[in-house]
Amino acid sequence: MDFADLGKQQVKNIDQPVQVYRIELDRSPDEVGASGTSQAGILELPDKPSVVVLPFTNMSKDTEQDYFADGI
């Protein structure tokens, strides 16, 4: 496994450019399809839909709104 340096990239919602790297996996020719993409990296969809919910943060200065962020 190797890492490729992609340099500094501008990303959404971050003021400063971020150093970005790509992981290059050692793959045998059998694992790479005709288009050059890895067949091992394709994941199957789950039987049931799923959603990830991250915790909310009260971004207002009003501490009385903490319950709202906690409730969501």
Protein backbone atom coordinates (compact mmCIF):
# COMPACT_ATOMS: atom_id res chain seq x y z
CA MET A 1 0.00 0.00 0.00
CA ASP A 2 1.36 3.40 -1.00
CA PHE A 3 0.23 6.98 -0.49
CA ALA A 4 0.09 9.55 -3.28
CA ASP A 5 0.43 13.20 -2.31
CA LEU A 6 -2.32 15.19 -4.05
CA GLY A 7 -1.14 18.51 -2.63
CA LYS A 8 -3.20 21.12 -0.86
CA GLN A 9 -6.86 21.22 -1.86
CA GLN A 10 -9.56 23.75 -1.05
CA VAL A 11 -12.50 22.03 0.64
CA LYS A 12 -15.95 23.28 1.51
CA ASN A 13 -16.44 25.08 4.85
CA ILE A 14 -12.71 25.19 5.67
CA ASP A 15 -10.84 28.48 5.19
CA GLN A 16 -7.32 27.08 4.70
CA PRO A 17 -6.35 24.52 2.01
CA VAL A 18 -6.01 20.96 3.36
CA GLN A 19 -3.17 18.54 2.52
CA VAL A 20 -4.72 15.58 0.68
CA TYR A 21 -3.37 12.07 0.11
CA ARG A 22 -4.69 9.10 -1.86
CA ILE A 23 -4.19 5.52 -0.70
CA GLU A 24 -2.99 3.29 -3.52
CA LEU A 25 -3.68 -0.35 -2.79
CA ASP A 26 -1.54 -3.12 -4.21
CA ARG A 27 -3.91 -4.94 -6.56
CA SER A 28 -3.37 -7.92 -8.76
CA PRO A 29 -4.56 -7.72 -12.41
CA ASP A 30 -7.40 -10.14 -11.50
CA GLU A 31 -8.88 -7.56 -9.10
CA VAL A 32 -8.91 -4.75 -11.67
CA GLY A 33 -11.68 -4.68 -14.26
CA ALA A 34 -11.48 -3.62 -17.91
CA SER A 35 -12.18 0.00 -16.98
CA GLY A 36 -9.21 0.00 -14.61
CA THR A 37 -11.36 0.17 -11.49
CA SER A 38 -11.11 -2.26 -8.62
CA GLN A 39 -13.89 -4.81 -8.37
CA ALA A 40 -12.98 -5.46 -4.72
CA GLY A 41 -13.99 -1.91 -3.72
CA ILE A 42 -17.65 -2.23 -4.80
CA LEU A 43 -20.01 -2.67 -1.88
CA GLU A 44 -23.48 -4.16 -2.04
CA LEU A 45 -26.46 -2.11 -0.89
CA PRO A 46 -28.01 -3.19 2.42
CA ASP A 47 -31.47 -4.83 2.48
CA LYS A 48 -32.87 -1.93 4.52
CA PRO A 49 -32.22 1.78 4.02
CA SER A 50 -29.98 3.36 6.64
CA VAL A 51 -29.28 6.90 7.76
CA VAL A 52 -26.44 8.26 9.86
CA VAL A 53 -27.33 11.14 12.16
CA LEU A 54 -24.53 13.10 13.77
CA PRO A 55 -25.10 15.00 17.01
CA PHE A 56 -26.29 18.58 16.64
CA THR A 57 -24.59 21.52 18.30
CA ASN A 58 -26.44 24.57 19.55
CA MET A 59 -24.75 27.26 17.47
CA SER A 60 -26.75 30.09 18.99
CA LYS A 61 -25.63 31.90 22.12
CA ASP A 62 -29.06 31.24 23.67
CA THR A 63 -28.55 28.45 26.23
CA GLU A 64 -32.32 27.95 26.42
CA GLN A 65 -32.10 26.38 22.95
CA ASP A 66 -29.83 23.51 24.13
CA TYR A 67 -32.84 21.24 24.60
CA PHE A 68 -33.73 21.68 20.92
CA ALA A 69 -30.29 20.55 19.69
CA ASP A 70 -30.39 17.61 22.13
CA GLY A 71 -33.89 16.61 21.02
CA ILE A 72 -33.03 16.40 17.36
